[in-house]
Amino acid sequence: MPLFKKRTVGKPGEWFYCLEHKKVEEGPECPGKDRFGPYASPEEARRAMETAAERNLEWENDPRWHDASARGNTDDE
């Protein structure tokens, strides 16, 4: 018996956004490398790309993620 079973059928109420097919799926239909989720609703899954873009923008502008060396500031040397 395998240690890990490949889950081929998703749980009802789990929603994913497939990056390859660009569609919302209930339960994981596509491989994990090709999807975002799980989300609580199809509406949340539909907004997956918008949510990712918003989070990326927040992280890019978060000063905790950028130290002096990343900005080219070498005053500490």
PDB file of N, CA and C in Angstrom:
ATOM      1  N   MET A   1       0.839  -1.168   0.000  1.00  0.00           N
ATOM      2  CA  MET A   1       0.000   0.000   0.000  1.00  0.00           C
ATOM      3  C   MET A   1       0.893   1.242   0.000  1.00  0.00           C
ATOM      4  N   PRO A   2       0.606   2.220  -0.855  1.00  0.00           N
ATOM      5  CA  PRO A   2       1.428   3.421  -0.899  1.00  0.00           C
ATOM      6  C   PRO A   2       1.283   4.244   0.382  1.00  0.00           C
ATOM      7  N   LEU A   3       2.334   4.928   0.709  1.00  0.00           N
ATOM      8  CA  LEU A   3       2.330   5.770   1.901  1.00  0.00           C
ATOM      9  C   LEU A   3       1.371   6.941   1.744  1.00  0.00           C
ATOM     10  N   PHE A   4       1.389   7.553   0.551  1.00  0.00           N
ATOM     11  CA  PHE A   4       0.503   8.684   0.278  1.00  0.00           C
ATOM     12  C   PHE A   4      -0.403   8.317  -0.879  1.00  0.00           C
ATOM     13  N   LYS A   5      -1.675   8.520  -0.700  1.00  0.00           N
ATOM     14  CA  LYS A   5      -2.611   8.270  -1.780  1.00  0.00           C
ATOM     15  C   LYS A   5      -2.762   9.536  -2.616  1.00  0.00           C
ATOM     16  N   LYS A   6      -2.850   9.374  -3.912  1.00  0.00           N
ATOM     17  CA  LYS A   6      -3.099  10.503  -4.781  1.00  0.00           C
ATOM     18  C   LYS A   6      -4.586  10.818  -4.708  1.00  0.00           C
ATOM     19  N   ARG A   7      -4.888  12.022  -4.292  1.00  0.00           N
ATOM     20  CA  ARG A   7      -6.289  12.428  -4.162  1.00  0.00           C
ATOM     21  C   ARG A   7      -6.790  12.857  -5.527  1.00  0.00           C
ATOM     22  N   THR A   8      -7.692  12.108  -6.084  1.00  0.00           N
ATOM     23  CA  THR A   8      -8.193  12.430  -7.422  1.00  0.00           C
ATOM     24  C   THR A   8      -9.528  13.147  -7.372  1.00  0.00           C
ATOM     25  N   VAL A   9     -10.242  13.025  -6.265  1.00  0.00           N
ATOM     26  CA  VAL A   9     -11.553  13.655  -6.148  1.00  0.00           C
ATOM     27  C   VAL A   9     -11.483  14.678  -5.029  1.00  0.00           C
ATOM     28  N   GLY A  10     -11.973  15.863  -5.310  1.00  0.00           N
ATOM     29  CA  GLY A  10     -11.941  16.909  -4.307  1.00  0.00           C
ATOM     30  C   GLY A  10     -13.099  16.806  -3.331  1.00  0.00           C
ATOM     31  N   LYS A  11     -12.988  17.563  -2.282  1.00  0.00           N
ATOM     32  CA  LYS A  11     -14.061  17.615  -1.301  1.00  0.00           C
ATOM     33  C   LYS A  11     -15.110  18.611  -1.794  1.00  0.00           C
ATOM     34  N   PRO A  12     -16.376  18.326  -1.590  1.00  0.00           N
ATOM     35  CA  PRO A  12     -17.407  19.300  -1.942  1.00  0.00           C
ATOM     36  C   PRO A  12     -17.177  20.601  -1.177  1.00  0.00           C
ATOM     37  N   GLY A  13     -17.305  21.699  -1.845  1.00  0.00           N
ATOM     38  CA  GLY A  13     -17.120  22.997  -1.212  1.00  0.00           C
ATOM     39  C   GLY A  13     -15.709  23.535  -1.305  1.00  0.00           C
ATOM     40  N   GLU A  14     -14.757  22.766  -1.836  1.00  0.00           N
ATOM     41  CA  GLU A  14     -13.406  23.267  -2.082  1.00  0.00           C
ATOM     42  C   GLU A  14     -13.352  23.772  -3.520  1.00  0.00           C
ATOM     43  N   TRP A  15     -12.942  25.003  -3.675  1.00  0.00           N
ATOM     44  CA  TRP A  15     -12.888  25.612  -5.001  1.00  0.00           C
ATOM     45  C   TRP A  15     -11.455  25.996  -5.327  1.00  0.00           C
ATOM     46  N   PHE A  16     -11.074  25.793  -6.564  1.00  0.00           N
ATOM     47  CA  PHE A  16      -9.720  26.072  -7.035  1.00  0.00           C
ATOM     48  C   PHE A  16      -9.790  26.869  -8.323  1.00  0.00           C
ATOM     49  N   TYR A  17      -8.704  27.597  -8.599  1.00  0.00           N
ATOM     50  CA  TYR A  17      -8.575  28.273  -9.886  1.00  0.00           C
ATOM     51  C   TYR A  17      -7.450  27.577 -10.636  1.00  0.00           C
ATOM     52  N   CYS A  18      -7.758  27.008 -11.811  1.00  0.00           N
ATOM     53  CA  CYS A  18      -6.766  26.312 -12.615  1.00  0.00           C
ATOM     54  C   CYS A  18      -6.027  27.320 -13.488  1.00  0.00           C
ATOM     55  N   LEU A  19      -4.717  27.392 -13.303  1.00  0.00           N
ATOM     56  CA  LEU A  19      -3.888  28.333 -14.055  1.00  0.00           C
ATOM     57  C   LEU A  19      -3.731  27.911 -15.514  1.00  0.00           C
ATOM     58  N   GLU A  20      -3.780  26.624 -15.774  1.00  0.00           N
ATOM     59  CA  GLU A  20      -3.603  26.139 -17.142  1.00  0.00           C
ATOM     60  C   GLU A  20      -4.859  26.355 -17.987  1.00  0.00           C
ATOM     61  N   HIS A  21      -6.018  26.017 -17.403  1.00  0.00           N
ATOM     62  CA  HIS A  21      -7.271  26.120 -18.152  1.00  0.00           C
ATOM     63  C   HIS A  21      -7.991  27.447 -17.929  1.00  0.00           C
ATOM     64  N   LYS A  22      -7.477  28.233 -16.946  1.00  0.00           N
ATOM     65  CA  LYS A  22      -8.048  29.534 -16.597  1.00  0.00           C
ATOM     66  C   LYS A  22      -9.540  29.424 -16.295  1.00  0.00           C
ATOM     67  N   LYS A  23      -9.847  28.482 -15.378  1.00  0.00           N
ATOM     68  CA  LYS A  23     -11.235  28.289 -14.983  1.00  0.00           C
ATOM     69  C   LYS A  23     -11.324  27.865 -13.524  1.00  0.00           C
ATOM     70  N   VAL A  24     -12.494  28.053 -12.955  1.00  0.00           N
ATOM     71  CA  VAL A  24     -12.784  27.668 -11.584  1.00  0.00           C
ATOM     72  C   VAL A  24     -13.219  26.208 -11.584  1.00  0.00           C
ATOM     73  N   GLU A  25     -12.700  25.454 -10.599  1.00  0.00           N
ATOM     74  CA  GLU A  25     -13.021  24.028 -10.485  1.00  0.00           C
ATOM     75  C   GLU A  25     -13.441  23.721  -9.057  1.00  0.00           C
ATOM     76  N   GLU A  26     -14.445  22.874  -8.908  1.00  0.00           N
ATOM     77  CA  GLU A  26     -14.798  22.402  -7.572  1.00  0.00           C
ATOM     78  C   GLU A  26     -14.009  21.129  -7.323  1.00  0.00           C
ATOM     79  N   GLY A  27     -13.232  21.148  -6.275  1.00  0.00           N
ATOM     80  CA  GLY A  27     -12.343  20.022  -6.011  1.00  0.00           C
ATOM     81  C   GLY A  27     -11.168  20.072  -6.962  1.00  0.00           C
ATOM     82  N   PRO A  28     -10.039  19.499  -6.599  1.00  0.00           N
ATOM     83  CA  PRO A  28      -8.875  19.576  -7.481  1.00  0.00           C
ATOM     84  C   PRO A  28      -9.029  18.651  -8.686  1.00  0.00           C
ATOM     85  N   GLU A  29      -9.240  19.234  -9.840  1.00  0.00           N
ATOM     86  CA  GLU A  29      -9.297  18.462 -11.075  1.00  0.00           C
ATOM     87  C   GLU A  29      -7.928  18.408 -11.732  1.00  0.00           C
ATOM     88  N   CYS A  30      -7.149  19.449 -11.587  1.00  0.00           N
ATOM     89  CA  CYS A  30      -5.831  19.550 -12.216  1.00  0.00           C
ATOM     90  C   CYS A  30      -4.737  19.398 -11.155  1.00  0.00           C
ATOM     91  N   PRO A  31      -3.499  19.122 -11.572  1.00  0.00           N
ATOM     92  CA  PRO A  31      -2.394  18.970 -10.613  1.00  0.00           C
ATOM     93  C   PRO A  31      -2.166  20.229  -9.771  1.00  0.00           C
ATOM     94  N   GLY A  32      -1.647  20.034  -8.587  1.00  0.00           N
ATOM     95  CA  GLY A  32      -1.398  21.133  -7.662  1.00  0.00           C
ATOM     96  C   GLY A  32      -0.519  22.230  -8.241  1.00  0.00           C
ATOM     97  N   LYS A  33       0.419  21.873  -9.118  1.00  0.00           N
ATOM     98  CA  LYS A  33       1.319  22.875  -9.688  1.00  0.00           C
ATOM     99  C   LYS A  33       0.581  23.829 -10.627  1.00  0.00           C
ATOM    100  N   ASP A  34      -0.631  23.474 -11.025  1.00  0.00           N
ATOM    101  CA  ASP A  34      -1.394  24.274 -11.978  1.00  0.00           C
ATOM    102  C   ASP A  34      -2.589  24.976 -11.359  1.00  0.00           C
ATOM    103  N   ARG A  35      -2.647  25.069 -10.031  1.00  0.00           N
ATOM    104  CA  ARG A  35      -3.845  25.672  -9.454  1.00  0.00           C
ATOM    105  C   ARG A  35      -3.557  26.502  -8.213  1.00  0.00           C
ATOM    106  N   PHE A  36      -4.462  27.422  -7.925  1.00  0.00           N
ATOM    107  CA  PHE A  36      -4.496  28.187  -6.680  1.00  0.00           C
ATOM    108  C   PHE A  36      -5.698  27.680  -5.894  1.00  0.00           C
ATOM    109  N   GLY A  37      -5.562  27.646  -4.581  1.00  0.00           N
ATOM    110  CA  GLY A  37      -6.692  27.268  -3.758  1.00  0.00           C
ATOM    111  C   GLY A  37      -6.258  26.348  -2.644  1.00  0.00           C
ATOM    112  N   PRO A  38      -7.165  25.871  -1.861  1.00  0.00           N
ATOM    113  CA  PRO A  38      -8.607  25.944  -2.034  1.00  0.00           C
ATOM    114  C   PRO A  38      -9.190  27.256  -1.526  1.00  0.00           C
ATOM    115  N   TYR A  39     -10.318  27.604  -2.103  1.00  0.00           N
ATOM    116  CA  TYR A  39     -11.088  28.779  -1.700  1.00  0.00           C
ATOM    117  C   TYR A  39     -12.436  28.305  -1.175  1.00  0.00           C
ATOM    118  N   ALA A  40     -13.085  29.142  -0.380  1.00  0.00           N
ATOM    119  CA  ALA A  40     -14.362  28.782   0.233  1.00  0.00           C
ATOM    120  C   ALA A  40     -15.538  28.892  -0.736  1.00  0.00           C
ATOM    121  N   SER A  41     -15.382  29.688  -1.795  1.00  0.00           N
ATOM    122  CA  SER A  41     -16.492  29.881  -2.721  1.00  0.00           C
ATOM    123  C   SER A  41     -15.963  30.004  -4.147  1.00  0.00           C
ATOM    124  N   PRO A  42     -16.822  29.782  -5.130  1.00  0.00           N
ATOM    125  CA  PRO A  42     -16.388  29.951  -6.516  1.00  0.00           C
ATOM    126  C   PRO A  42     -16.040  31.406  -6.833  1.00  0.00           C
ATOM    127  N   GLU A  43     -16.681  32.338  -6.145  1.00  0.00           N
ATOM    128  CA  GLU A  43     -16.379  33.758  -6.366  1.00  0.00           C
ATOM    129  C   GLU A  43     -14.950  34.083  -5.929  1.00  0.00           C
ATOM    130  N   GLU A  44     -14.541  33.540  -4.783  1.00  0.00           N
ATOM    131  CA  GLU A  44     -13.158  33.749  -4.321  1.00  0.00           C
ATOM    132  C   GLU A  44     -12.177  33.134  -5.306  1.00  0.00           C
ATOM    133  N   ALA A  45     -12.481  31.939  -5.786  1.00  0.00           N
ATOM    134  CA  ALA A  45     -11.594  31.274  -6.756  1.00  0.00           C
ATOM    135  C   ALA A  45     -11.526  32.071  -8.053  1.00  0.00           C
ATOM    136  N   ARG A  46     -12.637  32.646  -8.467  1.00  0.00           N
ATOM    137  CA  ARG A  46     -12.674  33.433  -9.701  1.00  0.00           C
ATOM    138  C   ARG A  46     -11.758  34.660  -9.601  1.00  0.00           C
ATOM    139  N   ARG A  47     -11.592  35.180  -8.386  1.00  0.00           N
ATOM    140  CA  ARG A  47     -10.745  36.356  -8.157  1.00  0.00           C
ATOM    141  C   ARG A  47      -9.303  35.995  -7.840  1.00  0.00           C
ATOM    142  N   ALA A  48      -8.920  34.734  -8.000  1.00  0.00           N
ATOM    143  CA  ALA A  48      -7.595  34.261  -7.584  1.00  0.00           C
ATOM    144  C   ALA A  48      -6.466  35.075  -8.194  1.00  0.00           C
ATOM    145  N   MET A  49      -6.534  35.381  -9.467  1.00  0.00           N
ATOM    146  CA  MET A  49      -5.458  36.133 -10.116  1.00  0.00           C
ATOM    147  C   MET A  49      -5.418  37.576  -9.618  1.00  0.00           C
ATOM    148  N   GLU A  50      -6.580  38.180  -9.398  1.00  0.00           N
ATOM    149  CA  GLU A  50      -6.620  39.540  -8.837  1.00  0.00           C
ATOM    150  C   GLU A  50      -6.032  39.551  -7.433  1.00  0.00           C
ATOM    151  N   THR A  51      -6.422  38.557  -6.633  1.00  0.00           N
ATOM    152  CA  THR A  51      -5.914  38.461  -5.261  1.00  0.00           C
ATOM    153  C   THR A  51      -4.394  38.298  -5.262  1.00  0.00           C
ATOM    154  N   ALA A  52      -3.877  37.451  -6.140  1.00  0.00           N
ATOM    155  CA  ALA A  52      -2.430  37.248  -6.228  1.00  0.00           C
ATOM    156  C   ALA A  52      -1.725  38.537  -6.637  1.00  0.00           C
ATOM    157  N   ALA A  53      -2.278  39.258  -7.595  1.00  0.00           N
ATOM    158  CA  ALA A  53      -1.671  40.520  -8.034  1.00  0.00           C
ATOM    159  C   ALA A  53      -1.673  41.551  -6.909  1.00  0.00           C
ATOM    160  N   GLU A  54      -2.775  41.627  -6.162  1.00  0.00           N
ATOM    161  CA  GLU A  54      -2.852  42.562  -5.034  1.00  0.00           C
ATOM    162  C   GLU A  54      -1.816  42.213  -3.968  1.00  0.00           C
ATOM    163  N   ARG A  55      -1.688  40.944  -3.662  1.00  0.00           N
ATOM    164  CA  ARG A  55      -0.714  40.516  -2.642  1.00  0.00           C
ATOM    165  C   ARG A  55       0.712  40.757  -3.109  1.00  0.00           C
ATOM    166  N   ASN A  56       0.996  40.496  -4.371  1.00  0.00           N
ATOM    167  CA  ASN A  56       2.336  40.758  -4.900  1.00  0.00           C
ATOM    168  C   ASN A  56       2.686  42.232  -4.776  1.00  0.00           C
ATOM    169  N   LEU A  57       1.737  43.100  -5.091  1.00  0.00           N
ATOM    170  CA  LEU A  57       1.970  44.537  -4.986  1.00  0.00           C
ATOM    171  C   LEU A  57       2.218  44.943  -3.534  1.00  0.00           C
ATOM    172  N   GLU A  58       1.436  44.380  -2.621  1.00  0.00           N
ATOM    173  CA  GLU A  58       1.648  44.670  -1.196  1.00  0.00           C
ATOM    174  C   GLU A  58       3.046  44.242  -0.757  1.00  0.00           C
ATOM    175  N   TRP A  59       3.470  43.045  -1.162  1.00  0.00           N
ATOM    176  CA  TRP A  59       4.792  42.543  -0.767  1.00  0.00           C
ATOM    177  C   TRP A  59       5.907  43.373  -1.390  1.00  0.00           C
ATOM    178  N   GLU A  60       5.742  43.786  -2.625  1.00  0.00           N
ATOM    179  CA  GLU A  60       6.768  44.594  -3.284  1.00  0.00           C
ATOM    180  C   GLU A  60       6.951  45.938  -2.596  1.00  0.00           C
ATOM    181  N   ASN A  61       5.894  46.441  -1.978  1.00  0.00           N
ATOM    182  CA  ASN A  61       5.955  47.745  -1.322  1.00  0.00           C
ATOM    183  C   ASN A  61       6.106  47.650   0.192  1.00  0.00           C
ATOM    184  N   ASP A  62       6.296  46.462   0.714  1.00  0.00           N
ATOM    185  CA  ASP A  62       6.447  46.273   2.149  1.00  0.00           C
ATOM    186  C   ASP A  62       7.912  46.478   2.529  1.00  0.00           C
ATOM    187  N   PRO A  63       8.206  47.486   3.342  1.00  0.00           N
ATOM    188  CA  PRO A  63       9.609  47.758   3.693  1.00  0.00           C
ATOM    189  C   PRO A  63      10.272  46.627   4.470  1.00  0.00           C
ATOM    190  N   ARG A  64       9.498  45.761   5.094  1.00  0.00           N
ATOM    191  CA  ARG A  64      10.094  44.641   5.829  1.00  0.00           C
ATOM    192  C   ARG A  64      10.725  43.629   4.886  1.00  0.00           C
ATOM    193  N   TRP A  65      10.343  43.635   3.610  1.00  0.00           N
ATOM    194  CA  TRP A  65      10.878  42.685   2.638  1.00  0.00           C
ATOM    195  C   TRP A  65      12.062  43.259   1.873  1.00  0.00           C
ATOM    196  N   HIS A  66      12.390  44.515   2.107  1.00  0.00           N
ATOM    197  CA  HIS A  66      13.471  45.158   1.370  1.00  0.00           C
ATOM    198  C   HIS A  66      14.488  45.716   2.354  1.00  0.00           C
ATOM    199  N   ASP A  67      15.690  45.155   2.341  1.00  0.00           N
ATOM    200  CA  ASP A  67      16.724  45.680   3.216  1.00  0.00           C
ATOM    201  C   ASP A  67      17.608  46.647   2.424  1.00  0.00           C
ATOM    202  N   ALA A  68      18.552  47.255   3.076  1.00  0.00           N
ATOM    203  CA  ALA A  68      19.394  48.270   2.449  1.00  0.00           C
ATOM    204  C   ALA A  68      20.175  47.710   1.266  1.00  0.00           C
ATOM    205  N   SER A  69      20.678  46.499   1.364  1.00  0.00           N
ATOM    206  CA  SER A  69      21.473  45.942   0.269  1.00  0.00           C
ATOM    207  C   SER A  69      20.628  45.698  -0.979  1.00  0.00           C
ATOM    208  N   ALA A  70      19.362  45.419  -0.815  1.00  0.00           N
ATOM    209  CA  ALA A  70      18.488  45.203  -1.972  1.00  0.00           C
ATOM    210  C   ALA A  70      18.243  46.513  -2.718  1.00  0.00           C
ATOM    211  N   ARG A  71      18.304  47.636  -2.006  1.00  0.00           N
ATOM    212  CA  ARG A  71      18.095  48.939  -2.643  1.00  0.00           C
ATOM    213  C   ARG A  71      19.391  49.512  -3.192  1.00  0.00           C
ATOM    214  N   GLY A  72      20.478  48.821  -2.979  1.00  0.00           N
ATOM    215  CA  GLY A  72      21.757  49.327  -3.468  1.00  0.00           C
ATOM    216  C   GLY A  72      22.444  50.242  -2.464  1.00  0.00           C
ATOM    217  N   ASN A  73      21.908  50.396  -1.285  1.00  0.00           N
ATOM    218  CA  ASN A  73      22.459  51.239  -0.249  1.00  0.00           C
ATOM    219  C   ASN A  73      23.531  50.452   0.503  1.00  0.00           C
ATOM    220  N   THR A  74      24.769  50.885   0.400  1.00  0.00           N
ATOM    221  CA  THR A  74      25.883  50.184   1.058  1.00  0.00           C
ATOM    222  C   THR A  74      26.530  51.064   2.121  1.00  0.00           C
ATOM    223  N   ASP A  75      25.755  51.934   2.754  1.00  0.00           N
ATOM    224  CA  ASP A  75      26.300  52.830   3.771  1.00  0.00           C
ATOM    225  C   ASP A  75      26.788  52.090   5.004  1.00  0.00           C
ATOM    226  N   ASP A  76      26.339  50.856   5.198  1.00  0.00           N
ATOM    227  CA  ASP A  76      26.713  50.105   6.387  1.00  0.00           C
ATOM    228  C   ASP A  76      28.161  49.607   6.328  1.00  0.00           C
ATOM    229  N   GLU A  77      28.810  49.634   5.161  1.00  0.00           N
ATOM    230  CA  GLU A  77      30.167  49.087   5.037  1.00  0.00           C
ATOM    231  C   GLU A  77      31.213  50.043   5.497  1.00  0.00           C
TER     232      GLU A  77
END
